[in-house]
Amino acid sequence: MTSLKLMMSIRKYVKRFFILCSLCLGFIVVIPKKTANAWGFYGHQRINRMAVFTLPPEMITFYKKHIEFITNHAVDPDKRRYSLEEEAARHYIDIDHYDPQAFREVPIFWSKAVEKYTEDTLKTYGILPWHIEKHYNSLVNAFKDESLDKILRYSAELGHYIADAHVPLHTTENYNGQLTNQRGIHGFWESRIPELKAEDYDYFVGRASYIDSPIKFAWKMVYDSHLAVDSVLTFEAILNKNFPSDQKYVYENRGNALIKTYSEEYVNRYNLMIKGQVERRMRESIHMIGCMWYTAWINSGKPDLNHLGAQEISDSLKSVIQKEEDLYLLHKNKHVKGHED
């Protein structure tokens, strides 16, 4: 193995380790992490739920009937990484790894990108926009097949990946501020702020519209998020420098654990500095998810979803979901027990 391949391999497994830690440890800010749990479970579920209300009459009756599935299973991709090794790379793309002009240099189409960089390299630094396109295409086929199981699962999971693409720190190698002495900023931005502020957000974002090119829009999500990376980091650094250090963190009970997390005052000050950026990205996530669902339905030939109205999800899908849930709980419980020991 060449030194380059060895370095890439080590980096890949270190990222996966941090991803596994992040979900179980939540807001413990001293742990560096490359989290696949963007927005937290609460945020992902709220985003998917509100996306249902962007849909036209031909779709909304069906989606409202299954809104609990769409909501609850918005977090399945995060849970599935315990049973699927390649899941982690689907949640981010370190676009700044490639080139200062990466958005001009990295091909937007998967086959061209593989040809230029190799599949191993792409998976090492994340494949988020390409995976959004793949899941979108799967949803189109699910609509064509009029498969209730697949429509619901691909809708819920496509929503997850689209929401991930709206998180600025999912687009950079400095994903947790580890390169700028700002460790913990990832969970701070995507989980702690929504935890304290999301009840006051405006989630009504208008009607979903048709998208001409899903892959181009997937890249636009990443581009817009990456433009915000500098402000995410810069304003937190300024605040940290001027905020009383003894008031930055508080301890809160989470289940059976006492954890260290960012104080409400620190969150409020930062939220003012970034002018509600987290809410804007969440709102854009909601609208874009609705647009992708709607576009998939249009491009599948506008099947009559009322035909599926009386159906329920199959036992086989329930079994698959339960296995993933069991693996997630097993790994979570093992980690928590080991942490307590």
C-alpha atoms as a PDB file:
ATOM      1  CA  MET A   1       0.000   0.000   0.000  1.00  0.00           C
ATOM      2  CA  THR A   2       1.377   3.392  -0.972  1.00  0.00           C
ATOM      3  CA  SER A   3       1.777   6.076   1.680  1.00  0.00           C
ATOM      4  CA  LEU A   4      -1.029   8.098   0.044  1.00  0.00           C
ATOM      5  CA  LYS A   5      -3.454   5.178   0.145  1.00  0.00           C
ATOM      6  CA  LEU A   6      -2.461   4.389   3.718  1.00  0.00           C
ATOM      7  CA  MET A   7      -3.096   8.002   4.755  1.00  0.00           C
ATOM      8  CA  MET A   8      -6.501   7.995   3.043  1.00  0.00           C
ATOM      9  CA  SER A   9      -7.440   4.708   4.677  1.00  0.00           C
ATOM     10  CA  ILE A  10      -6.465   5.933   8.153  1.00  0.00           C
ATOM     11  CA  ARG A  11      -8.357   9.197   7.626  1.00  0.00           C
ATOM     12  CA  LYS A  12     -11.469   7.309   6.532  1.00  0.00           C
ATOM     13  CA  TYR A  13     -11.568   5.125   9.638  1.00  0.00           C
ATOM     14  CA  VAL A  14     -10.816   8.023  11.978  1.00  0.00           C
ATOM     15  CA  LYS A  15     -13.804   9.863  10.498  1.00  0.00           C
ATOM     16  CA  ARG A  16     -16.022   6.852  11.028  1.00  0.00           C
ATOM     17  CA  PHE A  17     -14.922   6.572  14.639  1.00  0.00           C
ATOM     18  CA  PHE A  18     -15.864  10.205  15.273  1.00  0.00           C
ATOM     19  CA  ILE A  19     -19.192   9.689  13.538  1.00  0.00           C
ATOM     20  CA  LEU A  20     -20.045   6.794  15.829  1.00  0.00           C
ATOM     21  CA  CYS A  21     -19.053   8.794  18.893  1.00  0.00           C
ATOM     22  CA  SER A  22     -21.066  11.842  17.962  1.00  0.00           C
ATOM     23  CA  LEU A  23     -24.510  10.281  17.970  1.00  0.00           C
ATOM     24  CA  CYS A  24     -24.064   8.603  21.344  1.00  0.00           C
ATOM     25  CA  LEU A  25     -22.396  11.526  23.096  1.00  0.00           C
ATOM     26  CA  GLY A  26     -24.710  14.199  21.718  1.00  0.00           C
ATOM     27  CA  PHE A  27     -23.630  17.633  22.881  1.00  0.00           C
ATOM     28  CA  ILE A  28     -20.463  16.687  24.810  1.00  0.00           C
ATOM     29  CA  VAL A  29     -18.372  19.422  23.283  1.00  0.00           C
ATOM     30  CA  VAL A  30     -14.919  18.129  24.168  1.00  0.00           C
ATOM     31  CA  ILE A  31     -15.203  15.264  21.660  1.00  0.00           C
ATOM     32  CA  PRO A  32     -13.994  16.059  18.124  1.00  0.00           C
ATOM     33  CA  LYS A  33     -16.333  14.582  15.575  1.00  0.00           C
ATOM     34  CA  LYS A  34     -17.253  14.235  11.943  1.00  0.00           C
ATOM     35  CA  THR A  35     -20.955  13.871  12.589  1.00  0.00           C
ATOM     36  CA  ALA A  36     -23.431  12.277  10.241  1.00  0.00           C
ATOM     37  CA  ASN A  37     -26.177  13.392  12.595  1.00  0.00           C
ATOM     38  CA  ALA A  38     -26.665  16.837  11.059  1.00  0.00           C
ATOM     39  CA  TRP A  39     -29.490  18.850  12.634  1.00  0.00           C
ATOM     40  CA  GLY A  40     -29.805  16.212  15.350  1.00  0.00           C
ATOM     41  CA  PHE A  41     -32.662  13.727  15.335  1.00  0.00           C
ATOM     42  CA  TYR A  42     -35.163  16.427  16.296  1.00  0.00           C
ATOM     43  CA  GLY A  43     -34.069  18.721  13.454  1.00  0.00           C
ATOM     44  CA  HIS A  44     -34.144  16.060  10.746  1.00  0.00           C
ATOM     45  CA  GLN A  45     -37.585  14.928  11.806  1.00  0.00           C
ATOM     46  CA  ARG A  46     -38.975  18.461  11.910  1.00  0.00           C
ATOM     47  CA  ILE A  47     -37.526  19.247   8.469  1.00  0.00           C
ATOM     48  CA  ASN A  48     -39.070  16.163   6.840  1.00  0.00           C
ATOM     49  CA  ARG A  49     -42.412  16.729   8.537  1.00  0.00           C
ATOM     50  CA  MET A  50     -42.723  20.312   7.362  1.00  0.00           C
ATOM     51  CA  ALA A  51     -41.653  19.415   3.806  1.00  0.00           C
ATOM     52  CA  VAL A  52     -44.917  17.476   3.451  1.00  0.00           C
ATOM     53  CA  PHE A  53     -46.848  20.751   3.591  1.00  0.00           C
ATOM     54  CA  THR A  54     -45.048  22.114   0.519  1.00  0.00           C
ATOM     55  CA  LEU A  55     -46.645  19.505  -1.746  1.00  0.00           C
ATOM     56  CA  PRO A  56     -49.496  20.032  -4.251  1.00  0.00           C
ATOM     57  CA  PRO A  57     -52.979  18.515  -3.720  1.00  0.00           C
ATOM     58  CA  GLU A  58     -52.163  15.489  -5.887  1.00  0.00           C
ATOM     59  CA  MET A  59     -49.428  14.459  -3.430  1.00  0.00           C
ATOM     60  CA  ILE A  60     -50.206  15.939  -0.040  1.00  0.00           C
ATOM     61  CA  THR A  61     -53.093  13.609   0.851  1.00  0.00           C
ATOM     62  CA  PHE A  62     -50.835  10.593   0.441  1.00  0.00           C
ATOM     63  CA  TYR A  63     -47.887  12.149   2.269  1.00  0.00           C
ATOM     64  CA  LYS A  64     -50.059  13.419   5.127  1.00  0.00           C
ATOM     65  CA  LYS A  65     -51.475   9.920   5.592  1.00  0.00           C
ATOM     66  CA  HIS A  66     -47.896   8.684   6.048  1.00  0.00           C
ATOM     67  CA  ILE A  67     -46.470  11.775   7.716  1.00  0.00           C
ATOM     68  CA  GLU A  68     -45.466   9.872  10.854  1.00  0.00           C
ATOM     69  CA  PHE A  69     -43.350   7.469   8.795  1.00  0.00           C
ATOM     70  CA  ILE A  70     -41.776  10.338   6.833  1.00  0.00           C
ATOM     71  CA  THR A  71     -41.043  12.087  10.135  1.00  0.00           C
ATOM     72  CA  ASN A  72     -39.822   9.188  12.251  1.00  0.00           C
ATOM     73  CA  HIS A  73     -37.644   7.655   9.567  1.00  0.00           C
ATOM     74  CA  ALA A  74     -35.888  10.870   8.627  1.00  0.00           C
ATOM     75  CA  VAL A  75     -33.062   9.659  10.891  1.00  0.00           C
ATOM     76  CA  ASP A  76     -32.696   6.128   9.495  1.00  0.00           C
ATOM     77  CA  PRO A  77     -29.544   6.954   7.491  1.00  0.00           C
ATOM     78  CA  ASP A  78     -27.788   8.021  10.705  1.00  0.00           C
ATOM     79  CA  LYS A  79     -28.804   4.811  12.445  1.00  0.00           C
ATOM     80  CA  ARG A  80     -27.863   2.643   9.459  1.00  0.00           C
ATOM     81  CA  ARG A  81     -24.177   3.497   9.633  1.00  0.00           C
ATOM     82  CA  TYR A  82     -23.875   0.902  12.409  1.00  0.00           C
ATOM     83  CA  SER A  83     -24.826  -1.822   9.965  1.00  0.00           C
ATOM     84  CA  LEU A  84     -23.443  -0.395   6.712  1.00  0.00           C
ATOM     85  CA  GLU A  85     -19.781   0.529   6.471  1.00  0.00           C
ATOM     86  CA  GLU A  86     -20.088   2.854   3.502  1.00  0.00           C
ATOM     87  CA  GLU A  87     -22.930   4.939   4.968  1.00  0.00           C
ATOM     88  CA  ALA A  88     -20.745   7.608   6.584  1.00  0.00           C
ATOM     89  CA  ALA A  89     -19.400   9.075   3.326  1.00  0.00           C
ATOM     90  CA  ARG A  90     -22.926   9.746   2.079  1.00  0.00           C
ATOM     91  CA  HIS A  91     -23.524  12.561   4.575  1.00  0.00           C
ATOM     92  CA  TYR A  92     -20.803  15.073   3.660  1.00  0.00           C
ATOM     93  CA  ILE A  93     -18.301  16.235   1.069  1.00  0.00           C
ATOM     94  CA  ASP A  94     -15.001  17.885   1.995  1.00  0.00           C
ATOM     95  CA  ILE A  95     -15.077  20.005  -1.117  1.00  0.00           C
ATOM     96  CA  ASP A  96     -12.153  22.176  -0.015  1.00  0.00           C
ATOM     97  CA  HIS A  97      -9.869  19.139  -0.062  1.00  0.00           C
ATOM     98  CA  TYR A  98      -9.705  19.162  -3.835  1.00  0.00           C
ATOM     99  CA  ASP A  99      -8.739  22.641  -4.935  1.00  0.00           C
ATOM    100  CA  PRO A 100      -9.341  26.321  -4.089  1.00  0.00           C
ATOM    101  CA  GLN A 101     -11.485  26.336  -7.234  1.00  0.00           C
ATOM    102  CA  ALA A 102     -13.108  22.995  -6.425  1.00  0.00           C
ATOM    103  CA  PHE A 103     -16.549  23.941  -7.694  1.00  0.00           C
ATOM    104  CA  ARG A 104     -15.001  24.522 -11.102  1.00  0.00           C
ATOM    105  CA  GLU A 105     -12.638  21.549 -11.008  1.00  0.00           C
ATOM    106  CA  VAL A 106     -14.713  18.715  -9.513  1.00  0.00           C
ATOM    107  CA  PRO A 107     -17.063  17.183 -12.119  1.00  0.00           C
ATOM    108  CA  ILE A 108     -20.687  17.294 -11.046  1.00  0.00           C
ATOM    109  CA  PHE A 109     -21.450  13.898 -12.602  1.00  0.00           C
ATOM    110  CA  TRP A 110     -20.347  10.793 -10.725  1.00  0.00           C
ATOM    111  CA  SER A 111     -18.793   8.919 -13.662  1.00  0.00           C
ATOM    112  CA  LYS A 112     -16.629  11.905 -14.623  1.00  0.00           C
ATOM    113  CA  ALA A 113     -15.596  12.477 -11.020  1.00  0.00           C
ATOM    114  CA  VAL A 114     -14.571   8.824 -10.626  1.00  0.00           C
ATOM    115  CA  GLU A 115     -12.608   9.058 -13.848  1.00  0.00           C
ATOM    116  CA  LYS A 116     -10.733  12.105 -12.544  1.00  0.00           C
ATOM    117  CA  TYR A 117     -10.185  11.212  -8.868  1.00  0.00           C
ATOM    118  CA  THR A 118     -11.018   7.455  -8.425  1.00  0.00           C
ATOM    119  CA  GLU A 119     -13.938   6.120  -6.428  1.00  0.00           C
ATOM    120  CA  ASP A 120     -11.811   5.485  -3.327  1.00  0.00           C
ATOM    121  CA  THR A 121     -10.737   9.124  -3.185  1.00  0.00           C
ATOM    122  CA  LEU A 122     -14.286  10.386  -3.580  1.00  0.00           C
ATOM    123  CA  LYS A 123     -15.582   8.105  -0.834  1.00  0.00           C
ATOM    124  CA  THR A 124     -12.759   9.165   1.469  1.00  0.00           C
ATOM    125  CA  TYR A 125     -13.768  12.831   1.213  1.00  0.00           C
ATOM    126  CA  GLY A 126     -17.520  12.338   0.934  1.00  0.00           C
ATOM    127  CA  ILE A 127     -20.081  11.736  -1.811  1.00  0.00           C
ATOM    128  CA  LEU A 128     -23.097  13.717  -0.582  1.00  0.00           C
ATOM    129  CA  PRO A 129     -24.287  15.467  -3.793  1.00  0.00           C
ATOM    130  CA  TRP A 130     -23.935  12.317  -5.868  1.00  0.00           C
ATOM    131  CA  HIS A 131     -25.793  10.297  -3.275  1.00  0.00           C
ATOM    132  CA  ILE A 132     -28.648  12.811  -3.310  1.00  0.00           C
ATOM    133  CA  GLU A 133     -28.966  12.248  -7.061  1.00  0.00           C
ATOM    134  CA  LYS A 134     -28.861   8.469  -6.577  1.00  0.00           C
ATOM    135  CA  HIS A 135     -31.621   8.581  -3.958  1.00  0.00           C
ATOM    136  CA  TYR A 136     -33.662  10.934  -6.138  1.00  0.00           C
ATOM    137  CA  ASN A 137     -33.458   8.469  -9.056  1.00  0.00           C
ATOM    138  CA  SER A 138     -34.503   5.655  -6.721  1.00  0.00           C
ATOM    139  CA  LEU A 139     -37.547   7.681  -5.695  1.00  0.00           C
ATOM    140  CA  VAL A 140     -38.477   8.252  -9.352  1.00  0.00           C
ATOM    141  CA  ASN A 141     -38.396   4.485  -9.927  1.00  0.00           C
ATOM    142  CA  ALA A 142     -40.386   3.872  -6.751  1.00  0.00           C
ATOM    143  CA  PHE A 143     -43.130   6.183  -8.030  1.00  0.00           C
ATOM    144  CA  LYS A 144     -43.107   4.417 -11.399  1.00  0.00           C
ATOM    145  CA  ASP A 145     -43.476   1.050  -9.666  1.00  0.00           C
ATOM    146  CA  GLU A 146     -46.130   2.460  -7.341  1.00  0.00           C
ATOM    147  CA  SER A 147     -44.316   0.745  -4.473  1.00  0.00           C
ATOM    148  CA  LEU A 148     -45.533   2.102  -1.156  1.00  0.00           C
ATOM    149  CA  ASP A 149     -42.529   0.791   0.784  1.00  0.00           C
ATOM    150  CA  LYS A 150     -39.998   2.323  -1.563  1.00  0.00           C
ATOM    151  CA  ILE A 151     -41.804   5.642  -1.981  1.00  0.00           C
ATOM    152  CA  LEU A 152     -41.941   6.172   1.755  1.00  0.00           C
ATOM    153  CA  ARG A 153     -38.419   5.013   2.507  1.00  0.00           C
ATOM    154  CA  TYR A 154     -36.725   6.880  -0.320  1.00  0.00           C
ATOM    155  CA  SER A 155     -38.746  10.013   0.442  1.00  0.00           C
ATOM    156  CA  ALA A 156     -37.752   9.964   4.110  1.00  0.00           C
ATOM    157  CA  GLU A 157     -34.092   9.258   3.410  1.00  0.00           C
ATOM    158  CA  LEU A 158     -33.775  11.685   0.503  1.00  0.00           C
ATOM    159  CA  GLY A 159     -35.009  14.314   2.922  1.00  0.00           C
ATOM    160  CA  HIS A 160     -32.214  13.408   5.321  1.00  0.00           C
ATOM    161  CA  TYR A 161     -29.425  13.772   2.773  1.00  0.00           C
ATOM    162  CA  ILE A 162     -30.822  17.031   1.402  1.00  0.00           C
ATOM    163  CA  ALA A 163     -30.935  18.443   4.934  1.00  0.00           C
ATOM    164  CA  ASP A 164     -27.322  17.349   5.465  1.00  0.00           C
ATOM    165  CA  ALA A 165     -26.308  19.259   2.334  1.00  0.00           C
ATOM    166  CA  HIS A 166     -27.612  22.460   3.930  1.00  0.00           C
ATOM    167  CA  VAL A 167     -25.196  22.238   6.871  1.00  0.00           C
ATOM    168  CA  PRO A 168     -22.072  24.334   6.093  1.00  0.00           C
ATOM    169  CA  LEU A 169     -19.720  22.180   8.165  1.00  0.00           C
ATOM    170  CA  HIS A 170     -20.689  19.134   6.085  1.00  0.00           C
ATOM    171  CA  THR A 171     -18.774  20.709   3.193  1.00  0.00           C
ATOM    172  CA  THR A 172     -15.318  21.236   4.674  1.00  0.00           C
ATOM    173  CA  GLU A 173     -12.329  19.366   6.037  1.00  0.00           C
ATOM    174  CA  ASN A 174     -12.503  21.681   9.043  1.00  0.00           C
ATOM    175  CA  TYR A 175     -15.786  19.966   9.906  1.00  0.00           C
ATOM    176  CA  ASN A 176     -15.533  20.433  13.665  1.00  0.00           C
ATOM    177  CA  GLY A 177     -13.292  23.483  13.869  1.00  0.00           C
ATOM    178  CA  GLN A 178     -10.384  21.176  14.658  1.00  0.00           C
ATOM    179  CA  LEU A 179      -8.114  23.139  12.317  1.00  0.00           C
ATOM    180  CA  THR A 180      -8.964  26.497  13.911  1.00  0.00           C
ATOM    181  CA  ASN A 181      -9.102  25.581  17.602  1.00  0.00           C
ATOM    182  CA  GLN A 182     -12.922  25.553  17.607  1.00  0.00           C
ATOM    183  CA  ARG A 183     -13.645  21.945  18.456  1.00  0.00           C
ATOM    184  CA  GLY A 184     -17.307  21.333  19.141  1.00  0.00           C
ATOM    185  CA  ILE A 185     -18.660  23.916  16.707  1.00  0.00           C
ATOM    186  CA  HIS A 186     -20.253  21.229  14.531  1.00  0.00           C
ATOM    187  CA  GLY A 187     -22.689  20.058  17.186  1.00  0.00           C
ATOM    188  CA  PHE A 188     -23.101  23.652  18.366  1.00  0.00           C
ATOM    189  CA  TRP A 189     -24.315  24.898  14.974  1.00  0.00           C
ATOM    190  CA  GLU A 190     -26.431  21.984  13.818  1.00  0.00           C
ATOM    191  CA  SER A 191     -27.827  20.594  17.082  1.00  0.00           C
ATOM    192  CA  ARG A 192     -27.541  22.956  20.051  1.00  0.00           C
ATOM    193  CA  ILE A 193     -28.900  26.026  18.259  1.00  0.00           C
ATOM    194  CA  PRO A 194     -31.967  24.226  16.817  1.00  0.00           C
ATOM    195  CA  GLU A 195     -32.539  22.573  20.183  1.00  0.00           C
ATOM    196  CA  LEU A 196     -32.986  25.986  21.813  1.00  0.00           C
ATOM    197  CA  LYS A 197     -34.400  27.990  18.900  1.00  0.00           C
ATOM    198  CA  ALA A 198     -36.347  25.705  16.571  1.00  0.00           C
ATOM    199  CA  GLU A 199     -39.703  26.132  18.279  1.00  0.00           C
ATOM    200  CA  ASP A 200     -39.662  29.790  17.204  1.00  0.00           C
ATOM    201  CA  TYR A 201     -38.722  29.177  13.562  1.00  0.00           C
ATOM    202  CA  ASP A 202     -41.052  29.891  10.649  1.00  0.00           C
ATOM    203  CA  TYR A 203     -41.486  26.609   8.792  1.00  0.00           C
ATOM    204  CA  PHE A 204     -43.956  27.675   6.128  1.00  0.00           C
ATOM    205  CA  VAL A 205     -41.793  28.071   3.050  1.00  0.00           C
ATOM    206  CA  GLY A 206     -44.265  28.048   0.171  1.00  0.00           C
ATOM    207  CA  ARG A 207     -45.184  25.526  -2.489  1.00  0.00           C
ATOM    208  CA  ALA A 208     -42.723  23.041  -3.944  1.00  0.00           C
ATOM    209  CA  SER A 209     -41.650  23.724  -7.524  1.00  0.00           C
ATOM    210  CA  TYR A 210     -40.198  21.655 -10.361  1.00  0.00           C
ATOM    211  CA  ILE A 211     -36.407  21.284 -10.584  1.00  0.00           C
ATOM    212  CA  ASP A 212     -34.815  21.040 -14.034  1.00  0.00           C
ATOM    213  CA  SER A 213     -31.644  19.226 -12.924  1.00  0.00           C
ATOM    214  CA  PRO A 214     -31.571  17.479  -9.536  1.00  0.00           C
ATOM    215  CA  ILE A 215     -27.802  16.899  -9.652  1.00  0.00           C
ATOM    216  CA  LYS A 216     -27.142  20.585 -10.358  1.00  0.00           C
ATOM    217  CA  PHE A 217     -29.416  21.578  -7.502  1.00  0.00           C
ATOM    218  CA  ALA A 218     -27.658  19.089  -5.229  1.00  0.00           C
ATOM    219  CA  TRP A 219     -24.403  20.831  -6.026  1.00  0.00           C
ATOM    220  CA  LYS A 220     -26.021  24.235  -5.494  1.00  0.00           C
ATOM    221  CA  MET A 221     -27.008  23.137  -1.972  1.00  0.00           C
ATOM    222  CA  VAL A 222     -23.392  22.233  -1.281  1.00  0.00           C
ATOM    223  CA  TYR A 223     -22.115  25.447  -2.873  1.00  0.00           C
ATOM    224  CA  ASP A 224     -24.447  27.653  -0.834  1.00  0.00           C
ATOM    225  CA  SER A 225     -23.542  25.793   2.351  1.00  0.00           C
ATOM    226  CA  HIS A 226     -19.839  26.085   1.653  1.00  0.00           C
ATOM    227  CA  LEU A 227     -20.147  29.842   1.137  1.00  0.00           C
ATOM    228  CA  ALA A 228     -21.361  30.020   4.742  1.00  0.00           C
ATOM    229  CA  VAL A 229     -18.425  28.098   6.260  1.00  0.00           C
ATOM    230  CA  ASP A 230     -16.340  31.239   6.766  1.00  0.00           C
ATOM    231  CA  SER A 231     -19.091  33.063   8.646  1.00  0.00           C
ATOM    232  CA  VAL A 232     -19.867  29.987  10.773  1.00  0.00           C
ATOM    233  CA  LEU A 233     -16.267  29.843  11.959  1.00  0.00           C
ATOM    234  CA  THR A 234     -15.351  33.535  12.008  1.00  0.00           C
ATOM    235  CA  PHE A 235     -18.264  34.744  14.107  1.00  0.00           C
ATOM    236  CA  GLU A 236     -17.837  31.946  16.633  1.00  0.00           C
ATOM    237  CA  ALA A 237     -14.157  32.798  16.986  1.00  0.00           C
ATOM    238  CA  ILE A 238     -15.012  36.456  17.588  1.00  0.00           C
ATOM    239  CA  LEU A 239     -17.677  35.563  20.128  1.00  0.00           C
ATOM    240  CA  ASN A 240     -15.442  33.099  21.929  1.00  0.00           C
ATOM    241  CA  LYS A 241     -12.731  35.743  22.262  1.00  0.00           C
ATOM    242  CA  ASN A 242     -15.079  38.292  23.823  1.00  0.00           C
ATOM    243  CA  PHE A 243     -17.478  36.107  25.812  1.00  0.00           C
ATOM    244  CA  PRO A 244     -16.782  35.356  29.502  1.00  0.00           C
ATOM    245  CA  SER A 245     -15.173  31.913  29.495  1.00  0.00           C
ATOM    246  CA  ASP A 246     -16.920  30.868  32.702  1.00  0.00           C
ATOM    247  CA  GLN A 247     -20.324  31.482  31.091  1.00  0.00           C
ATOM    248  CA  LYS A 248     -19.780  29.716  27.773  1.00  0.00           C
ATOM    249  CA  TYR A 249     -20.796  26.243  28.974  1.00  0.00           C
ATOM    250  CA  VAL A 250     -23.374  24.748  31.301  1.00  0.00           C
ATOM    251  CA  TYR A 251     -24.039  21.236  32.584  1.00  0.00           C
ATOM    252  CA  GLU A 252     -27.367  19.594  31.824  1.00  0.00           C
ATOM    253  CA  ASN A 253     -28.936  16.233  32.611  1.00  0.00           C
ATOM    254  CA  ARG A 254     -29.521  14.053  29.533  1.00  0.00           C
ATOM    255  CA  GLY A 255     -31.032  10.766  30.564  1.00  0.00           C
ATOM    256  CA  ASN A 256     -28.684   9.299  33.144  1.00  0.00           C
ATOM    257  CA  ALA A 257     -25.753  11.493  32.151  1.00  0.00           C
ATOM    258  CA  LEU A 258     -24.619  14.964  33.129  1.00  0.00           C
ATOM    259  CA  ILE A 259     -23.142  16.597  30.050  1.00  0.00           C
ATOM    260  CA  LYS A 260     -21.304  19.783  29.242  1.00  0.00           C
ATOM    261  CA  THR A 261     -22.931  21.917  26.554  1.00  0.00           C
ATOM    262  CA  TYR A 262     -23.089  25.503  25.286  1.00  0.00           C
ATOM    263  CA  SER A 263     -25.031  27.968  27.429  1.00  0.00           C
ATOM    264  CA  GLU A 264     -28.239  29.546  26.215  1.00  0.00           C
ATOM    265  CA  GLU A 265     -26.696  33.022  26.364  1.00  0.00           C
ATOM    266  CA  TYR A 266     -23.793  31.912  24.164  1.00  0.00           C
ATOM    267  CA  VAL A 267     -26.286  30.466  21.675  1.00  0.00           C
ATOM    268  CA  ASN A 268     -28.358  33.662  21.680  1.00  0.00           C
ATOM    269  CA  ARG A 269     -25.356  35.895  21.070  1.00  0.00           C
ATOM    270  CA  TYR A 270     -24.039  33.736  18.253  1.00  0.00           C
ATOM    271  CA  ASN A 271     -27.469  33.436  16.627  1.00  0.00           C
ATOM    272  CA  LEU A 272     -27.697  37.233  16.494  1.00  0.00           C
ATOM    273  CA  MET A 273     -24.234  37.489  14.956  1.00  0.00           C
ATOM    274  CA  ILE A 274     -25.049  35.064  12.136  1.00  0.00           C
ATOM    275  CA  LYS A 275     -28.473  36.706  11.670  1.00  0.00           C
ATOM    276  CA  GLY A 276     -30.584  33.563  11.952  1.00  0.00           C
ATOM    277  CA  GLN A 277     -28.438  31.555   9.539  1.00  0.00           C
ATOM    278  CA  VAL A 278     -29.459  28.196  11.043  1.00  0.00           C
ATOM    279  CA  GLU A 279     -33.147  28.948  10.551  1.00  0.00           C
ATOM    280  CA  ARG A 280     -32.541  30.023   6.946  1.00  0.00           C
ATOM    281  CA  ARG A 281     -30.681  26.824   6.120  1.00  0.00           C
ATOM    282  CA  MET A 282     -33.396  24.743   7.784  1.00  0.00           C
ATOM    283  CA  ARG A 283     -36.120  26.556   5.817  1.00  0.00           C
ATOM    284  CA  GLU A 284     -34.221  26.041   2.580  1.00  0.00           C
ATOM    285  CA  SER A 285     -33.883  22.356   3.420  1.00  0.00           C
ATOM    286  CA  ILE A 286     -37.645  22.038   3.852  1.00  0.00           C
ATOM    287  CA  HIS A 287     -38.403  23.716   0.535  1.00  0.00           C
ATOM    288  CA  MET A 288     -35.787  21.781  -1.397  1.00  0.00           C
ATOM    289  CA  ILE A 289     -36.984  18.439  -0.048  1.00  0.00           C
ATOM    290  CA  GLY A 290     -40.503  19.241  -1.207  1.00  0.00           C
ATOM    291  CA  CYS A 291     -39.150  20.269  -4.612  1.00  0.00           C
ATOM    292  CA  MET A 292     -37.221  17.014  -4.978  1.00  0.00           C
ATOM    293  CA  TRP A 293     -40.213  14.876  -3.997  1.00  0.00           C
ATOM    294  CA  TYR A 294     -42.426  16.818  -6.393  1.00  0.00           C
ATOM    295  CA  THR A 295     -39.916  16.621  -9.256  1.00  0.00           C
ATOM    296  CA  ALA A 296     -39.516  12.865  -8.771  1.00  0.00           C
ATOM    297  CA  TRP A 297     -43.290  12.451  -8.946  1.00  0.00           C
ATOM    298  CA  ILE A 298     -43.528  14.590 -12.099  1.00  0.00           C
ATOM    299  CA  ASN A 299     -40.672  12.757 -13.817  1.00  0.00           C
ATOM    300  CA  SER A 300     -42.179   9.375 -12.971  1.00  0.00           C
ATOM    301  CA  GLY A 301     -45.330  10.239 -14.921  1.00  0.00           C
ATOM    302  CA  LYS A 302     -47.502  11.630 -12.116  1.00  0.00           C
ATOM    303  CA  PRO A 303     -48.865   8.322 -10.804  1.00  0.00           C
ATOM    304  CA  ASP A 304     -52.165   8.494  -8.938  1.00  0.00           C
ATOM    305  CA  LEU A 305     -51.061   8.130  -5.324  1.00  0.00           C
ATOM    306  CA  ASN A 306     -54.657   7.605  -4.227  1.00  0.00           C
ATOM    307  CA  HIS A 307     -54.288   4.050  -5.518  1.00  0.00           C
ATOM    308  CA  LEU A 308     -51.930   3.450  -2.606  1.00  0.00           C
ATOM    309  CA  GLY A 309     -54.220   5.013  -0.045  1.00  0.00           C
ATOM    310  CA  ALA A 310     -55.458   1.780   1.517  1.00  0.00           C
ATOM    311  CA  GLN A 311     -52.061   0.100   1.681  1.00  0.00           C
ATOM    312  CA  GLU A 312     -49.765  -0.129   4.695  1.00  0.00           C
ATOM    313  CA  ILE A 313     -46.026  -0.741   4.745  1.00  0.00           C
ATOM    314  CA  SER A 314     -45.039  -4.369   4.342  1.00  0.00           C
ATOM    315  CA  ASP A 315     -43.802  -6.718   7.036  1.00  0.00           C
ATOM    316  CA  SER A 316     -40.524  -7.057   5.145  1.00  0.00           C
ATOM    317  CA  LEU A 317     -39.845  -3.309   5.376  1.00  0.00           C
ATOM    318  CA  LYS A 318     -40.799  -3.335   9.057  1.00  0.00           C
ATOM    319  CA  SER A 319     -38.303  -6.163   9.562  1.00  0.00           C
ATOM    320  CA  VAL A 320     -35.473  -4.298   7.815  1.00  0.00           C
ATOM    321  CA  ILE A 321     -36.138  -1.155   9.838  1.00  0.00           C
ATOM    322  CA  GLN A 322     -36.299  -3.117  13.082  1.00  0.00           C
ATOM    323  CA  LYS A 323     -32.941  -4.780  12.387  1.00  0.00           C
ATOM    324  CA  GLU A 324     -31.338  -1.384  11.805  1.00  0.00           C
ATOM    325  CA  GLU A 325     -32.939  -0.047  14.977  1.00  0.00           C
ATOM    326  CA  ASP A 326     -31.700  -3.043  16.991  1.00  0.00           C
ATOM    327  CA  LEU A 327     -28.150  -2.571  15.730  1.00  0.00           C
ATOM    328  CA  TYR A 328     -28.271   1.136  16.502  1.00  0.00           C
ATOM    329  CA  LEU A 329     -29.509   0.518  20.052  1.00  0.00           C
ATOM    330  CA  LEU A 330     -26.957  -2.245  20.582  1.00  0.00           C
ATOM    331  CA  HIS A 331     -24.042  -0.015  19.592  1.00  0.00           C
ATOM    332  CA  LYS A 332     -25.434   2.946  21.501  1.00  0.00           C
ATOM    333  CA  ASN A 333     -25.932   0.944  24.687  1.00  0.00           C
ATOM    334  CA  LYS A 334     -22.479  -0.612  24.434  1.00  0.00           C
ATOM    335  CA  HIS A 335     -20.914   2.803  24.001  1.00  0.00           C
ATOM    336  CA  VAL A 336     -22.836   4.357  26.901  1.00  0.00           C
ATOM    337  CA  LYS A 337     -21.961   1.440  29.178  1.00  0.00           C
ATOM    338  CA  GLY A 338     -18.295   1.655  28.214  1.00  0.00           C
ATOM    339  CA  HIS A 339     -18.343   5.436  28.766  1.00  0.00           C
ATOM    340  CA  GLU A 340     -19.871   4.968  32.242  1.00  0.00           C
ATOM    341  CA  ASP A 341     -17.245   2.333  33.124  1.00  0.00           C
END
